[in-house]
Amino acid sequence: MRGTNFTRAKLPFSYLDGANLAGANLTGASLYGANMFRTNLAGATLLHAHLDDVRANEADLNRANFTGAVMRNAHITYATLRSVTLQGALLNGTIFQSSDLTDANLNRARLDNANLGSANLSQANLTQADLRGARLQLTTLYGSNLSGALLGFLGSPRCDDTTTWPDGTKGHSRCP
């Protein structure tokens, strides 16, 4: 299925575990509740795709383009998302725990209440991203751009002494 055109495909609750969808075009596709364990979506195009409640643990999402995608409450743990584009994506409540988002473009992404615990966001573009309520424990933000990002934390601390900030310092003293 590598490089296949699935533009506007309706694939809710699909089982795509281990599928090779590298370079596939899934623009506007509906993949609500799909299972994508260890799926290869490297370089895939998912512009404005609907991915609410997707399970993509250990998936390869390197260089994939999710601009404008809706991916709320998804589980994307232990996944590789290097140089991924999530610009303007709705990622509310999504779990990126222990995932690698090095050099990711999250400009204007909605990450409120997302779990970024143990994730690597080194060199990520988080300009004007909404990170209110996001969990940042053990998260690496070294070299990332947080210009204009919303970082309000509600309730219990969402960052701690293990959070690494863009300048390389660690600590909860920078938590808003």
C-alpha atoms as a PDB file:
ATOM      1  CA  MET A   1       0.000   0.000   0.000  1.00  0.00           C
ATOM      2  CA  ARG A   2       3.103   2.182  -0.100  1.00  0.00           C
ATOM      3  CA  GLY A   3       2.383   5.475  -1.908  1.00  0.00           C
ATOM      4  CA  THR A   4      -1.308   4.598  -2.433  1.00  0.00           C
ATOM      5  CA  ASN A   5      -3.912   7.343  -2.860  1.00  0.00           C
ATOM      6  CA  PHE A   6      -6.534   7.166  -0.094  1.00  0.00           C
ATOM      7  CA  THR A   7      -7.774  10.757  -0.485  1.00  0.00           C
ATOM      8  CA  ARG A   8     -11.054  11.204   1.457  1.00  0.00           C
ATOM      9  CA  ALA A   9     -11.193   7.450   2.199  1.00  0.00           C
ATOM     10  CA  LYS A  10     -13.583   6.369   4.963  1.00  0.00           C
ATOM     11  CA  LEU A  11     -11.629   3.922   7.130  1.00  0.00           C
ATOM     12  CA  PRO A  12     -13.060   4.246  10.667  1.00  0.00           C
ATOM     13  CA  PHE A  13     -11.992   1.561  13.165  1.00  0.00           C
ATOM     14  CA  SER A  14      -9.655   0.005  10.582  1.00  0.00           C
ATOM     15  CA  TYR A  15      -6.951  -2.441  11.629  1.00  0.00           C
ATOM     16  CA  LEU A  16      -3.806  -1.216   9.929  1.00  0.00           C
ATOM     17  CA  ASP A  17      -1.310  -2.763  12.344  1.00  0.00           C
ATOM     18  CA  GLY A  18       2.075  -3.155  10.655  1.00  0.00           C
ATOM     19  CA  ALA A  19       0.849  -1.745   7.317  1.00  0.00           C
ATOM     20  CA  ASN A  20       3.327   0.047   5.055  1.00  0.00           C
ATOM     21  CA  LEU A  21       1.624   3.319   4.126  1.00  0.00           C
ATOM     22  CA  ALA A  22       4.859   5.254   3.599  1.00  0.00           C
ATOM     23  CA  GLY A  23       4.267   8.139   1.194  1.00  0.00           C
ATOM     24  CA  ALA A  24       0.523   7.410   0.979  1.00  0.00           C
ATOM     25  CA  ASN A  25      -1.917  10.263   0.351  1.00  0.00           C
ATOM     26  CA  LEU A  26      -4.605  10.251   3.057  1.00  0.00           C
ATOM     27  CA  THR A  27      -5.723  13.863   2.595  1.00  0.00           C
ATOM     28  CA  GLY A  28      -9.135  14.337   4.185  1.00  0.00           C
ATOM     29  CA  ALA A  29      -9.352  10.642   5.098  1.00  0.00           C
ATOM     30  CA  SER A  30     -11.427   9.503   8.076  1.00  0.00           C
ATOM     31  CA  LEU A  31      -9.493   7.078  10.263  1.00  0.00           C
ATOM     32  CA  TYR A  32     -11.476   7.561  13.469  1.00  0.00           C
ATOM     33  CA  GLY A  33     -10.569   4.889  16.040  1.00  0.00           C
ATOM     34  CA  ALA A  34      -8.145   3.095  13.693  1.00  0.00           C
ATOM     35  CA  ASN A  35      -5.459   0.784  15.089  1.00  0.00           C
ATOM     36  CA  MET A  36      -2.035   1.481  13.576  1.00  0.00           C
ATOM     37  CA  PHE A  37       0.408  -0.375  15.819  1.00  0.00           C
ATOM     38  CA  ARG A  38       3.848  -0.267  14.180  1.00  0.00           C
ATOM     39  CA  THR A  39       2.350   1.180  10.988  1.00  0.00           C
ATOM     40  CA  ASN A  40       4.761   2.935   8.609  1.00  0.00           C
ATOM     41  CA  LEU A  41       3.357   6.333   7.607  1.00  0.00           C
ATOM     42  CA  ALA A  42       6.746   7.938   6.931  1.00  0.00           C
ATOM     43  CA  GLY A  43       6.369  10.791   4.457  1.00  0.00           C
ATOM     44  CA  ALA A  44       2.598  10.264   4.198  1.00  0.00           C
ATOM     45  CA  THR A  45       0.233  13.185   3.542  1.00  0.00           C
ATOM     46  CA  LEU A  46      -2.688  13.421   5.981  1.00  0.00           C
ATOM     47  CA  LEU A  47      -3.829  17.010   5.411  1.00  0.00           C
ATOM     48  CA  HIS A  48      -7.091  17.693   7.261  1.00  0.00           C
ATOM     49  CA  ALA A  49      -7.472  13.974   8.037  1.00  0.00           C
ATOM     50  CA  HIS A  50      -9.774  12.891  10.881  1.00  0.00           C
ATOM     51  CA  LEU A  51      -7.862  10.709  13.343  1.00  0.00           C
ATOM     52  CA  ASP A  52      -9.725  11.038  16.651  1.00  0.00           C
ATOM     53  CA  ASP A  53      -9.066   8.134  19.051  1.00  0.00           C
ATOM     54  CA  VAL A  54      -6.445   6.556  16.750  1.00  0.00           C
ATOM     55  CA  ARG A  55      -3.964   4.095  18.314  1.00  0.00           C
ATOM     56  CA  ALA A  56      -0.587   4.486  16.589  1.00  0.00           C
ATOM     57  CA  ASN A  57       1.838   3.106  19.161  1.00  0.00           C
ATOM     58  CA  GLU A  58       5.389   2.470  17.926  1.00  0.00           C
ATOM     59  CA  ALA A  59       4.405   3.857  14.507  1.00  0.00           C
ATOM     60  CA  ASP A  60       6.840   5.481  12.064  1.00  0.00           C
ATOM     61  CA  LEU A  61       5.410   8.939  11.334  1.00  0.00           C
ATOM     62  CA  ASN A  62       8.683  10.597  10.327  1.00  0.00           C
ATOM     63  CA  ARG A  63       8.231  13.481   7.859  1.00  0.00           C
ATOM     64  CA  ALA A  64       4.454  12.863   7.636  1.00  0.00           C
ATOM     65  CA  ASN A  65       2.298  15.943   7.011  1.00  0.00           C
ATOM     66  CA  PHE A  66      -0.712  16.270   9.335  1.00  0.00           C
ATOM     67  CA  THR A  67      -1.403  19.970   8.657  1.00  0.00           C
ATOM     68  CA  GLY A  68      -4.903  20.831   9.873  1.00  0.00           C
ATOM     69  CA  ALA A  69      -5.596  17.248  10.983  1.00  0.00           C
ATOM     70  CA  VAL A  70      -8.057  16.465  13.771  1.00  0.00           C
ATOM     71  CA  MET A  71      -6.412  13.943  16.101  1.00  0.00           C
ATOM     72  CA  ARG A  72      -8.039  14.362  19.509  1.00  0.00           C
ATOM     73  CA  ASN A  73      -7.546  11.776  22.271  1.00  0.00           C
ATOM     74  CA  ALA A  74      -5.237   9.678  20.104  1.00  0.00           C
ATOM     75  CA  HIS A  75      -2.611   7.340  21.611  1.00  0.00           C
ATOM     76  CA  ILE A  76       0.744   7.785  19.880  1.00  0.00           C
ATOM     77  CA  THR A  77       3.278   6.351  22.304  1.00  0.00           C
ATOM     78  CA  TYR A  78       6.846   5.212  21.630  1.00  0.00           C
ATOM     79  CA  ALA A  79       6.405   6.497  18.068  1.00  0.00           C
ATOM     80  CA  THR A  80       8.897   8.317  15.847  1.00  0.00           C
ATOM     81  CA  LEU A  81       7.647  11.644  14.512  1.00  0.00           C
ATOM     82  CA  ARG A  82      10.913  13.295  13.489  1.00  0.00           C
ATOM     83  CA  SER A  83      10.359  16.317  11.208  1.00  0.00           C
ATOM     84  CA  VAL A  84       6.603  15.673  11.251  1.00  0.00           C
ATOM     85  CA  THR A  85       4.297  18.580  10.360  1.00  0.00           C
ATOM     86  CA  LEU A  86       1.366  19.035  12.744  1.00  0.00           C
ATOM     87  CA  GLN A  87       0.799  22.693  11.942  1.00  0.00           C
ATOM     88  CA  GLY A  88      -2.653  23.875  13.045  1.00  0.00           C
ATOM     89  CA  ALA A  89      -3.625  20.322  14.042  1.00  0.00           C
ATOM     90  CA  LEU A  90      -6.190  19.675  16.796  1.00  0.00           C
ATOM     91  CA  LEU A  91      -4.363  17.364  19.212  1.00  0.00           C
ATOM     92  CA  ASN A  92      -6.373  17.977  22.380  1.00  0.00           C
ATOM     93  CA  GLY A  93      -5.882  15.176  24.912  1.00  0.00           C
ATOM     94  CA  THR A  94      -3.570  13.209  22.617  1.00  0.00           C
ATOM     95  CA  ILE A  95      -0.930  11.054  24.295  1.00  0.00           C
ATOM     96  CA  PHE A  96       2.557  11.392  22.770  1.00  0.00           C
ATOM     97  CA  GLN A  97       4.252   9.773  25.758  1.00  0.00           C
ATOM     98  CA  SER A  98       7.823   8.583  25.089  1.00  0.00           C
ATOM     99  CA  SER A  99       7.621   9.620  21.419  1.00  0.00           C
ATOM    100  CA  ASP A 100      10.334  11.369  19.399  1.00  0.00           C
ATOM    101  CA  LEU A 101       9.096  14.670  17.927  1.00  0.00           C
ATOM    102  CA  THR A 102      12.547  16.086  17.197  1.00  0.00           C
ATOM    103  CA  ASP A 103      12.341  18.978  14.707  1.00  0.00           C
ATOM    104  CA  ALA A 104       8.520  18.689  14.556  1.00  0.00           C
ATOM    105  CA  ASN A 105       6.462  21.615  13.268  1.00  0.00           C
ATOM    106  CA  LEU A 106       3.654  22.192  15.793  1.00  0.00           C
ATOM    107  CA  ASN A 107       3.047  25.831  14.866  1.00  0.00           C
ATOM    108  CA  ARG A 108      -0.451  26.828  16.072  1.00  0.00           C
ATOM    109  CA  ALA A 109      -1.237  23.238  17.100  1.00  0.00           C
ATOM    110  CA  ARG A 110      -3.836  22.689  19.852  1.00  0.00           C
ATOM    111  CA  LEU A 111      -2.137  20.480  22.439  1.00  0.00           C
ATOM    112  CA  ASP A 112      -4.228  21.445  25.430  1.00  0.00           C
ATOM    113  CA  ASN A 113      -4.367  18.605  27.956  1.00  0.00           C
ATOM    114  CA  ALA A 114      -2.041  16.504  25.778  1.00  0.00           C
ATOM    115  CA  ASN A 115       0.394  14.107  27.451  1.00  0.00           C
ATOM    116  CA  LEU A 116       3.940  14.822  26.268  1.00  0.00           C
ATOM    117  CA  GLY A 117       5.560  13.014  29.198  1.00  0.00           C
ATOM    118  CA  SER A 118       9.002  11.598  28.346  1.00  0.00           C
ATOM    119  CA  ALA A 119       8.665  12.919  24.790  1.00  0.00           C
ATOM    120  CA  ASN A 120      11.570  14.494  22.919  1.00  0.00           C
ATOM    121  CA  LEU A 121      10.588  17.819  21.323  1.00  0.00           C
ATOM    122  CA  SER A 122      14.142  19.051  20.731  1.00  0.00           C
ATOM    123  CA  GLN A 123      14.301  21.730  18.024  1.00  0.00           C
ATOM    124  CA  ALA A 124      10.491  21.610  17.635  1.00  0.00           C
ATOM    125  CA  ASN A 125       8.562  24.633  16.368  1.00  0.00           C
ATOM    126  CA  LEU A 126       5.868  25.290  18.988  1.00  0.00           C
ATOM    127  CA  THR A 127       5.188  28.912  18.053  1.00  0.00           C
ATOM    128  CA  GLN A 128       1.681  29.955  19.064  1.00  0.00           C
ATOM    129  CA  ALA A 129       0.892  26.356  20.104  1.00  0.00           C
ATOM    130  CA  ASP A 130      -1.735  25.860  22.824  1.00  0.00           C
ATOM    131  CA  LEU A 131      -0.082  23.789  25.562  1.00  0.00           C
ATOM    132  CA  ARG A 132      -2.468  24.710  28.379  1.00  0.00           C
ATOM    133  CA  GLY A 133      -2.797  21.758  30.723  1.00  0.00           C
ATOM    134  CA  ALA A 134      -0.271  19.672  28.746  1.00  0.00           C
ATOM    135  CA  ARG A 135       1.826  17.197  30.758  1.00  0.00           C
ATOM    136  CA  LEU A 136       5.533  17.919  30.348  1.00  0.00           C
ATOM    137  CA  GLN A 137       7.146  15.659  32.957  1.00  0.00           C
ATOM    138  CA  LEU A 138      10.442  14.227  31.651  1.00  0.00           C
ATOM    139  CA  THR A 139       9.855  16.143  28.399  1.00  0.00           C
ATOM    140  CA  THR A 140      12.816  17.556  26.458  1.00  0.00           C
ATOM    141  CA  LEU A 141      12.161  20.923  24.804  1.00  0.00           C
ATOM    142  CA  TYR A 142      15.849  21.728  24.198  1.00  0.00           C
ATOM    143  CA  GLY A 143      16.263  24.200  21.330  1.00  0.00           C
ATOM    144  CA  SER A 144      12.535  24.350  20.638  1.00  0.00           C
ATOM    145  CA  ASN A 145      10.727  27.592  19.804  1.00  0.00           C
ATOM    146  CA  LEU A 146       7.948  28.440  22.270  1.00  0.00           C
ATOM    147  CA  SER A 147       7.343  32.000  21.009  1.00  0.00           C
ATOM    148  CA  GLY A 148       3.741  32.962  21.640  1.00  0.00           C
ATOM    149  CA  ALA A 149       2.885  29.502  22.979  1.00  0.00           C
ATOM    150  CA  LEU A 150       0.191  29.253  25.658  1.00  0.00           C
ATOM    151  CA  LEU A 151       1.649  27.435  28.677  1.00  0.00           C
ATOM    152  CA  GLY A 152      -0.940  27.808  31.436  1.00  0.00           C
ATOM    153  CA  PHE A 153      -1.115  24.853  33.804  1.00  0.00           C
ATOM    154  CA  LEU A 154      -4.323  24.053  35.649  1.00  0.00           C
ATOM    155  CA  GLY A 155      -4.549  22.028  38.841  1.00  0.00           C
ATOM    156  CA  SER A 156      -1.577  19.850  39.737  1.00  0.00           C
ATOM    157  CA  PRO A 157       1.860  20.667  38.298  1.00  0.00           C
ATOM    158  CA  ARG A 158       2.220  19.551  34.704  1.00  0.00           C
ATOM    159  CA  CYS A 159       5.996  19.968  34.614  1.00  0.00           C
ATOM    160  CA  ASP A 160       8.664  19.203  37.186  1.00  0.00           C
ATOM    161  CA  ASP A 161      12.412  19.026  37.844  1.00  0.00           C
ATOM    162  CA  THR A 162      12.779  16.596  34.926  1.00  0.00           C
ATOM    163  CA  THR A 163      11.395  18.991  32.284  1.00  0.00           C
ATOM    164  CA  THR A 164      14.194  20.270  30.015  1.00  0.00           C
ATOM    165  CA  TRP A 165      13.474  23.785  28.700  1.00  0.00           C
ATOM    166  CA  PRO A 166      14.630  25.237  25.315  1.00  0.00           C
ATOM    167  CA  ASP A 167      17.770  26.774  26.837  1.00  0.00           C
ATOM    168  CA  GLY A 168      18.800  23.412  28.356  1.00  0.00           C
ATOM    169  CA  THR A 169      17.868  24.247  31.943  1.00  0.00           C
ATOM    170  CA  LYS A 170      15.766  21.842  33.951  1.00  0.00           C
ATOM    171  CA  GLY A 171      13.174  22.451  36.568  1.00  0.00           C
ATOM    172  CA  HIS A 172       9.675  23.315  37.595  1.00  0.00           C
ATOM    173  CA  SER A 173      10.572  26.919  38.475  1.00  0.00           C
ATOM    174  CA  ARG A 174       9.732  27.837  34.875  1.00  0.00           C
ATOM    175  CA  CYS A 175       6.296  26.233  35.006  1.00  0.00           C
ATOM    176  CA  PRO A 176       3.649  28.914  34.687  1.00  0.00           C
END
